[in-house]
């Protein structure tokens, strides 16, 4: 199995498959109501809608890096503004997360096998060297981390 195939398989498992730790991200999000998406329980820093937009932003940033752009903060910001609660916007956020991950999978599938071990273009100077493979593995870990937050927030909100 190639590196591209392994990374695609792991990303798909986390998003919509059956990861060993529980439910995939899309199954978790399917249980989040519009009301719960915007509620911020006491002590919470972010609500679910903010976390989803953050995940979208960083997936876009990873795609930019995979396409040879210099590493930085996502163009939409680290934590994009969600605006006022809106049921259609919430559904759009979930759809956007699905779309950016479909696009990322397309990039992974076409990525040259011999380049997975090469470093990404990161000129920030204070960062460790990151390969393209480590970049995708890092995003998978990022998705898992935030999926856990979403599941916990949803459980707190809905009891």
N, C-alpha and C. Protein backbone atom coordinates (compact mmCIF):
# COMPACT_ATOMS: atom_id res chain seq x y z
N UNK A 1 0.85 -1.18 0.00
CA UNK A 1 0.00 0.00 0.00
C UNK A 1 0.89 1.25 0.00
N UNK A 2 0.58 2.20 -0.84
CA UNK A 2 1.37 3.42 -0.94
C UNK A 2 1.07 4.35 0.23
N UNK A 3 1.93 5.33 0.42
CA UNK A 3 1.70 6.35 1.46
C UNK A 3 0.39 7.08 1.19
N UNK A 4 0.13 7.42 -0.07
CA UNK A 4 -1.12 8.10 -0.42
C UNK A 4 -2.33 7.26 -0.02
N UNK A 5 -2.28 5.99 -0.30
CA UNK A 5 -3.40 5.10 0.03
C UNK A 5 -3.58 4.98 1.54
N UNK A 6 -2.48 4.87 2.28
CA UNK A 6 -2.57 4.77 3.74
C UNK A 6 -3.16 6.04 4.35
N UNK A 7 -2.67 7.19 3.91
CA UNK A 7 -3.17 8.45 4.45
C UNK A 7 -4.63 8.69 4.09
N UNK A 8 -4.99 8.37 2.86
CA UNK A 8 -6.39 8.50 2.45
C UNK A 8 -7.27 7.61 3.31
N UNK A 9 -6.84 6.38 3.50
CA UNK A 9 -7.62 5.42 4.30
C UNK A 9 -7.80 5.91 5.74
N UNK A 10 -6.72 6.43 6.34
CA UNK A 10 -6.82 6.92 7.71
C UNK A 10 -7.73 8.14 7.81
N UNK A 11 -7.61 9.06 6.87
CA UNK A 11 -8.45 10.25 6.89
C UNK A 11 -9.92 9.87 6.71
N UNK A 12 -10.20 8.99 5.77
CA UNK A 12 -11.58 8.57 5.54
C UNK A 12 -12.15 7.83 6.75
N UNK A 13 -11.33 7.04 7.42
CA UNK A 13 -11.79 6.32 8.61
C UNK A 13 -12.21 7.30 9.70
N UNK A 14 -11.40 8.34 9.91
CA UNK A 14 -11.69 9.35 10.92
C UNK A 14 -12.93 10.16 10.57
N UNK A 15 -13.09 10.45 9.30
CA UNK A 15 -14.22 11.28 8.86
C UNK A 15 -15.53 10.50 8.83
N UNK A 16 -15.54 9.37 8.17
CA UNK A 16 -16.82 8.69 7.93
C UNK A 16 -16.78 7.19 8.16
N UNK A 17 -15.68 6.69 8.65
CA UNK A 17 -15.55 5.25 8.87
C UNK A 17 -15.81 4.88 10.31
N UNK A 18 -15.14 3.81 10.70
CA UNK A 18 -15.27 3.31 12.07
C UNK A 18 -13.90 3.29 12.73
N UNK A 19 -13.43 4.45 13.20
CA UNK A 19 -12.14 4.48 13.89
C UNK A 19 -12.23 3.68 15.19
N UNK A 20 -11.10 3.19 15.65
CA UNK A 20 -11.11 2.31 16.82
C UNK A 20 -11.64 2.99 18.08
N UNK A 21 -11.56 4.32 18.16
CA UNK A 21 -11.96 5.03 19.38
C UNK A 21 -13.45 5.34 19.43
N UNK A 22 -14.19 5.10 18.34
CA UNK A 22 -15.63 5.41 18.39
C UNK A 22 -16.20 5.78 17.04
N UNK A 23 -16.98 6.84 17.02
CA UNK A 23 -17.67 7.26 15.81
C UNK A 23 -16.82 8.20 14.96
N UNK A 24 -17.07 8.16 13.65
CA UNK A 24 -16.43 9.10 12.75
C UNK A 24 -16.99 10.50 12.95
N UNK A 25 -16.26 11.47 12.47
CA UNK A 25 -16.64 12.88 12.65
C UNK A 25 -18.01 13.18 12.07
N UNK A 26 -18.30 12.67 10.89
CA UNK A 26 -19.58 12.98 10.26
C UNK A 26 -20.75 12.38 11.04
N UNK A 27 -20.57 11.20 11.62
CA UNK A 27 -21.62 10.62 12.48
C UNK A 27 -21.82 11.48 13.73
N UNK A 28 -20.72 11.96 14.28
CA UNK A 28 -20.81 12.83 15.46
C UNK A 28 -21.55 14.12 15.13
N UNK A 29 -21.21 14.72 14.00
CA UNK A 29 -21.86 15.98 13.60
C UNK A 29 -23.33 15.78 13.27
N UNK A 30 -23.70 14.62 12.76
CA UNK A 30 -25.10 14.36 12.42
C UNK A 30 -26.00 14.41 13.66
N UNK A 31 -25.42 14.25 14.83
CA UNK A 31 -26.20 14.26 16.08
C UNK A 31 -26.22 15.63 16.74
N UNK A 32 -25.62 16.62 16.07
CA UNK A 32 -25.58 17.97 16.63
C UNK A 32 -26.71 18.79 16.01
N UNK A 33 -27.60 19.27 16.85
CA UNK A 33 -28.69 20.12 16.36
C UNK A 33 -28.15 21.53 16.11
N UNK A 34 -28.91 22.28 15.35
CA UNK A 34 -28.57 23.68 15.08
C UNK A 34 -28.42 24.45 16.40
N UNK A 35 -29.34 24.23 17.32
CA UNK A 35 -29.29 24.94 18.61
C UNK A 35 -28.03 24.59 19.39
N UNK A 36 -27.70 23.29 19.41
CA UNK A 36 -26.51 22.85 20.14
C UNK A 36 -25.24 23.38 19.50
N UNK A 37 -25.24 23.53 18.18
CA UNK A 37 -24.04 23.99 17.47
C UNK A 37 -23.61 25.38 17.93
N UNK A 38 -24.56 26.21 18.32
CA UNK A 38 -24.25 27.59 18.70
C UNK A 38 -24.22 27.82 20.21
N UNK A 39 -24.62 26.83 20.98
CA UNK A 39 -24.63 27.00 22.43
C UNK A 39 -23.21 26.87 22.97
N UNK A 40 -22.89 27.71 23.93
CA UNK A 40 -21.58 27.66 24.57
C UNK A 40 -21.80 27.42 26.06
N UNK A 41 -21.61 26.16 26.50
CA UNK A 41 -21.80 25.88 27.93
C UNK A 41 -20.83 26.69 28.79
N UNK A 42 -21.20 26.95 30.04
CA UNK A 42 -20.31 27.68 30.93
C UNK A 42 -18.93 27.02 30.98
N UNK A 43 -17.90 27.85 30.89
CA UNK A 43 -16.53 27.35 30.94
C UNK A 43 -15.96 26.96 29.58
N UNK A 44 -16.81 26.91 28.57
CA UNK A 44 -16.34 26.55 27.23
C UNK A 44 -15.71 27.76 26.55
N UNK A 45 -14.67 27.52 25.80
CA UNK A 45 -14.01 28.60 25.07
C UNK A 45 -14.67 28.78 23.71
N UNK A 46 -15.05 27.65 23.08
CA UNK A 46 -15.65 27.68 21.75
C UNK A 46 -16.92 26.84 21.73
N UNK A 47 -17.81 27.18 20.81
CA UNK A 47 -18.98 26.33 20.60
C UNK A 47 -18.68 25.40 19.41
N UNK A 48 -19.60 24.51 19.13
CA UNK A 48 -19.39 23.50 18.09
C UNK A 48 -19.26 24.15 16.72
N UNK A 49 -20.06 25.15 16.43
CA UNK A 49 -19.97 25.83 15.12
C UNK A 49 -18.59 26.45 14.94
N UNK A 50 -18.05 27.07 15.97
CA UNK A 50 -16.72 27.65 15.89
C UNK A 50 -15.66 26.57 15.63
N UNK A 51 -15.80 25.44 16.29
CA UNK A 51 -14.84 24.35 16.11
C UNK A 51 -14.90 23.82 14.68
N UNK A 52 -16.09 23.66 14.14
CA UNK A 52 -16.22 23.16 12.77
C UNK A 52 -15.58 24.14 11.78
N UNK A 53 -15.82 25.43 11.95
CA UNK A 53 -15.19 26.41 11.04
C UNK A 53 -13.67 26.42 11.20
N UNK A 54 -13.20 26.21 12.40
CA UNK A 54 -11.76 26.11 12.65
C UNK A 54 -11.19 24.89 11.91
N UNK A 55 -11.90 23.78 11.94
CA UNK A 55 -11.47 22.58 11.22
C UNK A 55 -11.45 22.82 9.71
N UNK A 56 -12.45 23.52 9.21
CA UNK A 56 -12.49 23.86 7.78
C UNK A 56 -11.28 24.72 7.42
N UNK A 57 -11.02 25.74 8.22
CA UNK A 57 -9.92 26.67 7.95
C UNK A 57 -8.58 25.94 7.90
N UNK A 58 -8.34 25.05 8.85
CA UNK A 58 -7.06 24.36 8.88
C UNK A 58 -6.95 23.30 7.79
N UNK A 59 -8.05 22.72 7.38
CA UNK A 59 -8.01 21.79 6.25
C UNK A 59 -7.66 22.56 4.98
N UNK A 60 -8.22 23.75 4.82
CA UNK A 60 -7.86 24.59 3.66
C UNK A 60 -6.38 24.96 3.70
N UNK A 61 -5.87 25.29 4.88
CA UNK A 61 -4.45 25.63 5.02
C UNK A 61 -3.56 24.44 4.65
N UNK A 62 -3.95 23.25 5.09
CA UNK A 62 -3.18 22.05 4.73
C UNK A 62 -3.21 21.83 3.22
N UNK A 63 -4.37 22.04 2.59
CA UNK A 63 -4.44 21.90 1.12
C UNK A 63 -3.51 22.91 0.45
N UNK A 64 -3.48 24.14 0.95
CA UNK A 64 -2.58 25.14 0.39
C UNK A 64 -1.13 24.67 0.49
N UNK A 65 -0.76 24.15 1.65
CA UNK A 65 0.61 23.66 1.84
C UNK A 65 0.91 22.48 0.92
N UNK A 66 -0.06 21.59 0.74
CA UNK A 66 0.13 20.45 -0.15
C UNK A 66 0.31 20.91 -1.59
N UNK A 67 -0.26 22.06 -1.91
CA UNK A 67 -0.13 22.63 -3.25
C UNK A 67 1.08 23.54 -3.39
N UNK A 68 2.00 23.48 -2.41
CA UNK A 68 3.26 24.20 -2.51
C UNK A 68 3.28 25.60 -1.94
N UNK A 69 2.19 26.03 -1.35
CA UNK A 69 2.19 27.38 -0.76
C UNK A 69 2.96 27.37 0.57
N UNK A 70 3.48 28.51 0.96
CA UNK A 70 4.23 28.64 2.20
C UNK A 70 3.29 28.50 3.39
N UNK A 71 3.75 27.79 4.41
CA UNK A 71 2.96 27.56 5.62
C UNK A 71 2.66 28.86 6.34
N UNK A 72 1.49 28.94 6.89
CA UNK A 72 1.10 30.11 7.67
C UNK A 72 -0.22 29.83 8.37
N UNK A 73 -0.87 30.88 8.77
CA UNK A 73 -2.19 30.79 9.38
C UNK A 73 -3.21 30.71 8.25
N UNK A 74 -4.30 29.97 8.43
CA UNK A 74 -5.30 29.90 7.36
C UNK A 74 -5.74 31.28 6.89
N UNK A 75 -6.03 31.38 5.60
CA UNK A 75 -6.43 32.67 5.03
C UNK A 75 -7.70 33.21 5.68
N UNK A 76 -8.57 32.33 6.17
CA UNK A 76 -9.80 32.78 6.83
C UNK A 76 -9.59 33.02 8.32
N UNK A 77 -8.37 32.77 8.81
CA UNK A 77 -8.06 32.96 10.23
C UNK A 77 -8.06 31.64 10.98
N UNK A 78 -7.41 31.65 12.13
CA UNK A 78 -7.32 30.45 12.96
C UNK A 78 -8.71 30.05 13.48
N UNK A 79 -9.44 31.02 13.96
CA UNK A 79 -10.80 30.79 14.46
C UNK A 79 -11.73 31.78 13.74
N UNK A 80 -12.20 31.43 12.54
CA UNK A 80 -13.08 32.34 11.79
C UNK A 80 -14.35 32.69 12.56
N UNK A 81 -14.82 33.90 12.34
CA UNK A 81 -16.07 34.36 12.96
C UNK A 81 -17.26 33.57 12.40
N UNK A 82 -18.15 33.14 13.27
CA UNK A 82 -19.31 32.38 12.81
C UNK A 82 -20.53 33.25 12.57
N UNK A 83 -20.50 34.47 13.07
CA UNK A 83 -21.65 35.34 12.89
C UNK A 83 -22.81 34.92 13.78
N UNK A 84 -23.97 35.46 13.47
CA UNK A 84 -25.17 35.16 14.25
C UNK A 84 -25.65 33.75 13.96
N UNK A 85 -26.24 33.10 14.96
CA UNK A 85 -26.77 31.75 14.74
C UNK A 85 -27.76 31.72 13.57
N UNK A 86 -27.55 30.77 12.71
CA UNK A 86 -28.38 30.63 11.53
C UNK A 86 -28.38 29.16 11.13
N UNK A 87 -29.56 28.56 11.03
CA UNK A 87 -29.65 27.13 10.76
C UNK A 87 -29.05 26.75 9.42
N UNK A 88 -29.26 27.55 8.39
CA UNK A 88 -28.69 27.25 7.07
C UNK A 88 -27.17 27.38 7.09
N UNK A 89 -26.68 28.43 7.78
CA UNK A 89 -25.23 28.58 7.89
C UNK A 89 -24.61 27.37 8.58
N UNK A 90 -25.26 26.87 9.63
CA UNK A 90 -24.75 25.69 10.33
C UNK A 90 -24.63 24.51 9.37
N UNK A 91 -25.67 24.28 8.59
CA UNK A 91 -25.61 23.18 7.62
C UNK A 91 -24.51 23.41 6.59
N UNK A 92 -24.35 24.67 6.19
CA UNK A 92 -23.27 25.01 5.24
C UNK A 92 -21.90 24.72 5.84
N UNK A 93 -21.72 25.00 7.13
CA UNK A 93 -20.44 24.72 7.77
C UNK A 93 -20.12 23.23 7.72
N UNK A 94 -21.11 22.40 8.03
CA UNK A 94 -20.92 20.95 7.98
C UNK A 94 -20.62 20.51 6.54
N UNK A 95 -21.38 21.04 5.60
CA UNK A 95 -21.14 20.71 4.18
C UNK A 95 -19.75 21.17 3.73
N UNK A 96 -19.33 22.34 4.20
CA UNK A 96 -18.00 22.85 3.86
C UNK A 96 -16.90 21.93 4.39
N UNK A 97 -17.09 21.42 5.61
CA UNK A 97 -16.11 20.49 6.17
C UNK A 97 -16.01 19.24 5.31
N UNK A 98 -17.15 18.75 4.87
CA UNK A 98 -17.14 17.57 4.00
C UNK A 98 -16.46 17.87 2.67
N UNK A 99 -16.77 19.01 2.10
CA UNK A 99 -16.21 19.38 0.79
C UNK A 99 -14.70 19.56 0.85
N UNK A 100 -14.19 20.27 1.87
CA UNK A 100 -12.75 20.49 1.92
C UNK A 100 -12.01 19.17 2.12
N UNK A 101 -12.63 18.25 2.84
CA UNK A 101 -11.97 16.95 3.03
C UNK A 101 -12.03 16.09 1.77
N UNK A 102 -13.10 16.19 0.99
CA UNK A 102 -13.14 15.52 -0.32
C UNK A 102 -12.03 16.08 -1.20
N UNK A 103 -11.87 17.39 -1.20
CA UNK A 103 -10.83 18.03 -2.00
C UNK A 103 -9.43 17.62 -1.52
N UNK A 104 -9.25 17.54 -0.20
CA UNK A 104 -7.96 17.11 0.34
C UNK A 104 -7.66 15.67 -0.07
N UNK A 105 -8.65 14.81 -0.01
CA UNK A 105 -8.44 13.42 -0.43
C UNK A 105 -8.01 13.35 -1.89
N UNK A 106 -8.58 14.19 -2.73
CA UNK A 106 -8.15 14.26 -4.13
C UNK A 106 -6.70 14.66 -4.25
N UNK A 107 -6.26 15.61 -3.43
CA UNK A 107 -4.85 16.02 -3.44
C UNK A 107 -3.96 14.88 -2.97
N UNK A 108 -4.38 14.20 -1.92
CA UNK A 108 -3.60 13.07 -1.39
C UNK A 108 -3.45 11.98 -2.45
N UNK A 109 -4.54 11.68 -3.14
CA UNK A 109 -4.51 10.61 -4.16
C UNK A 109 -3.52 10.94 -5.28
N UNK A 110 -3.40 12.19 -5.64
CA UNK A 110 -2.55 12.59 -6.77
C UNK A 110 -1.14 12.99 -6.35
N UNK A 111 -0.87 13.01 -5.05
CA UNK A 111 0.43 13.49 -4.58
C UNK A 111 1.52 12.49 -4.96
N UNK A 112 2.63 12.97 -5.52
CA UNK A 112 3.71 12.07 -5.93
C UNK A 112 4.29 11.30 -4.74
N UNK A 113 4.35 10.01 -4.85
CA UNK A 113 4.82 9.14 -3.76
C UNK A 113 6.22 9.54 -3.27
N UNK A 114 7.07 9.95 -4.17
CA UNK A 114 8.45 10.27 -3.79
C UNK A 114 8.56 11.60 -3.03
N UNK A 115 7.47 12.36 -2.95
CA UNK A 115 7.53 13.66 -2.26
C UNK A 115 6.99 13.63 -0.83
N UNK A 116 6.41 12.52 -0.39
CA UNK A 116 5.83 12.46 0.95
C UNK A 116 6.85 12.76 2.05
N UNK A 117 8.11 12.39 1.84
CA UNK A 117 9.15 12.60 2.86
C UNK A 117 9.85 13.95 2.74
N UNK A 118 9.44 14.77 1.79
CA UNK A 118 10.05 16.09 1.62
C UNK A 118 9.42 17.09 2.60
N UNK A 119 10.18 18.10 3.02
CA UNK A 119 9.64 19.10 3.94
C UNK A 119 8.70 20.07 3.22
N UNK A 120 7.68 20.50 3.93
CA UNK A 120 6.79 21.53 3.40
C UNK A 120 7.54 22.86 3.40
N UNK A 121 7.02 23.84 2.70
CA UNK A 121 7.62 25.17 2.66
C UNK A 121 7.15 25.95 3.89
N UNK A 122 8.02 26.00 4.88
CA UNK A 122 7.69 26.71 6.12
C UNK A 122 8.85 27.63 6.46
N UNK A 123 8.64 28.91 6.26
CA UNK A 123 9.71 29.90 6.45
C UNK A 123 9.56 30.67 7.76
N UNK A 124 8.75 30.15 8.68
CA UNK A 124 8.51 30.86 9.93
C UNK A 124 9.71 30.78 10.87
N UNK A 125 10.63 29.84 10.65
CA UNK A 125 11.87 29.79 11.39
C UNK A 125 11.83 29.17 12.77
N UNK A 126 10.73 29.27 13.46
CA UNK A 126 10.64 28.75 14.83
C UNK A 126 9.90 27.42 14.89
N UNK A 127 9.75 26.77 13.77
CA UNK A 127 8.97 25.54 13.69
C UNK A 127 9.88 24.36 13.34
N UNK A 128 9.53 23.16 13.81
CA UNK A 128 10.29 21.98 13.39
C UNK A 128 9.99 21.68 11.92
N UNK A 129 10.91 20.97 11.29
CA UNK A 129 10.71 20.57 9.90
C UNK A 129 9.56 19.57 9.85
N UNK A 130 8.62 19.80 8.95
CA UNK A 130 7.45 18.95 8.79
C UNK A 130 7.41 18.44 7.36
N UNK A 131 7.30 17.13 7.21
CA UNK A 131 7.16 16.56 5.87
C UNK A 131 5.69 16.59 5.46
N UNK A 132 5.46 16.34 4.19
CA UNK A 132 4.08 16.29 3.70
C UNK A 132 3.30 15.17 4.40
N UNK A 133 3.95 14.04 4.61
CA UNK A 133 3.27 12.94 5.31
C UNK A 133 2.92 13.34 6.73
N UNK A 134 3.85 13.97 7.44
CA UNK A 134 3.58 14.42 8.81
C UNK A 134 2.48 15.48 8.83
N UNK A 135 2.41 16.30 7.81
CA UNK A 135 1.37 17.33 7.71
C UNK A 135 -0.02 16.68 7.69
N UNK A 136 -0.19 15.65 6.85
CA UNK A 136 -1.49 14.98 6.77
C UNK A 136 -1.79 14.24 8.07
N UNK A 137 -0.79 13.57 8.62
CA UNK A 137 -1.00 12.89 9.91
C UNK A 137 -1.38 13.89 11.00
N UNK A 138 -0.75 15.06 10.97
CA UNK A 138 -1.09 16.10 11.93
C UNK A 138 -2.52 16.59 11.78
N UNK A 139 -2.98 16.74 10.54
CA UNK A 139 -4.36 17.17 10.33
C UNK A 139 -5.34 16.09 10.81
N UNK A 140 -5.02 14.83 10.57
CA UNK A 140 -5.86 13.74 11.07
C UNK A 140 -5.96 13.82 12.59
N UNK A 141 -4.82 14.03 13.26
CA UNK A 141 -4.82 14.17 14.72
C UNK A 141 -5.65 15.38 15.14
N UNK A 142 -5.52 16.48 14.41
CA UNK A 142 -6.29 17.70 14.68
C UNK A 142 -7.78 17.42 14.57
N UNK A 143 -8.18 16.72 13.53
CA UNK A 143 -9.59 16.35 13.36
C UNK A 143 -10.08 15.51 14.53
N UNK A 144 -9.29 14.53 14.95
CA UNK A 144 -9.69 13.66 16.05
C UNK A 144 -9.85 14.47 17.34
N UNK A 145 -8.90 15.32 17.61
CA UNK A 145 -8.94 16.16 18.81
C UNK A 145 -10.24 16.97 18.87
N UNK A 146 -10.55 17.64 17.76
CA UNK A 146 -11.74 18.48 17.75
C UNK A 146 -13.02 17.66 17.69
N UNK A 147 -12.98 16.49 17.10
CA UNK A 147 -14.17 15.61 17.12
C UNK A 147 -14.51 15.24 18.55
N UNK A 148 -13.49 15.00 19.36
CA UNK A 148 -13.72 14.71 20.77
C UNK A 148 -14.36 15.89 21.49
N UNK A 149 -13.88 17.09 21.20
CA UNK A 149 -14.48 18.29 21.80
C UNK A 149 -15.94 18.42 21.40
N UNK A 150 -16.22 18.19 20.12
CA UNK A 150 -17.60 18.31 19.63
C UNK A 150 -18.49 17.31 20.33
N UNK A 151 -18.03 16.07 20.44
CA UNK A 151 -18.83 15.03 21.10
C UNK A 151 -19.10 15.39 22.56
N UNK A 152 -18.07 15.88 23.25
CA UNK A 152 -18.26 16.25 24.66
C UNK A 152 -19.19 17.45 24.81
N UNK A 153 -19.00 18.47 23.99
CA UNK A 153 -19.89 19.63 24.08
C UNK A 153 -21.33 19.24 23.79
N UNK A 154 -21.53 18.42 22.79
CA UNK A 154 -22.89 17.99 22.46
C UNK A 154 -23.51 17.19 23.61
N UNK A 155 -22.71 16.39 24.26
CA UNK A 155 -23.21 15.60 25.39
C UNK A 155 -23.55 16.50 26.58
N UNK A 156 -22.69 17.50 26.84
CA UNK A 156 -22.96 18.44 27.92
C UNK A 156 -24.26 19.20 27.66
N UNK A 157 -24.44 19.63 26.42
CA UNK A 157 -25.62 20.44 26.06
C UNK A 157 -26.89 19.60 26.11
N UNK A 158 -26.81 18.37 25.63
CA UNK A 158 -28.02 17.54 25.52
C UNK A 158 -28.20 16.53 26.64
N UNK A 159 -27.26 16.51 27.55
CA UNK A 159 -27.38 15.63 28.71
C UNK A 159 -27.10 14.19 28.48
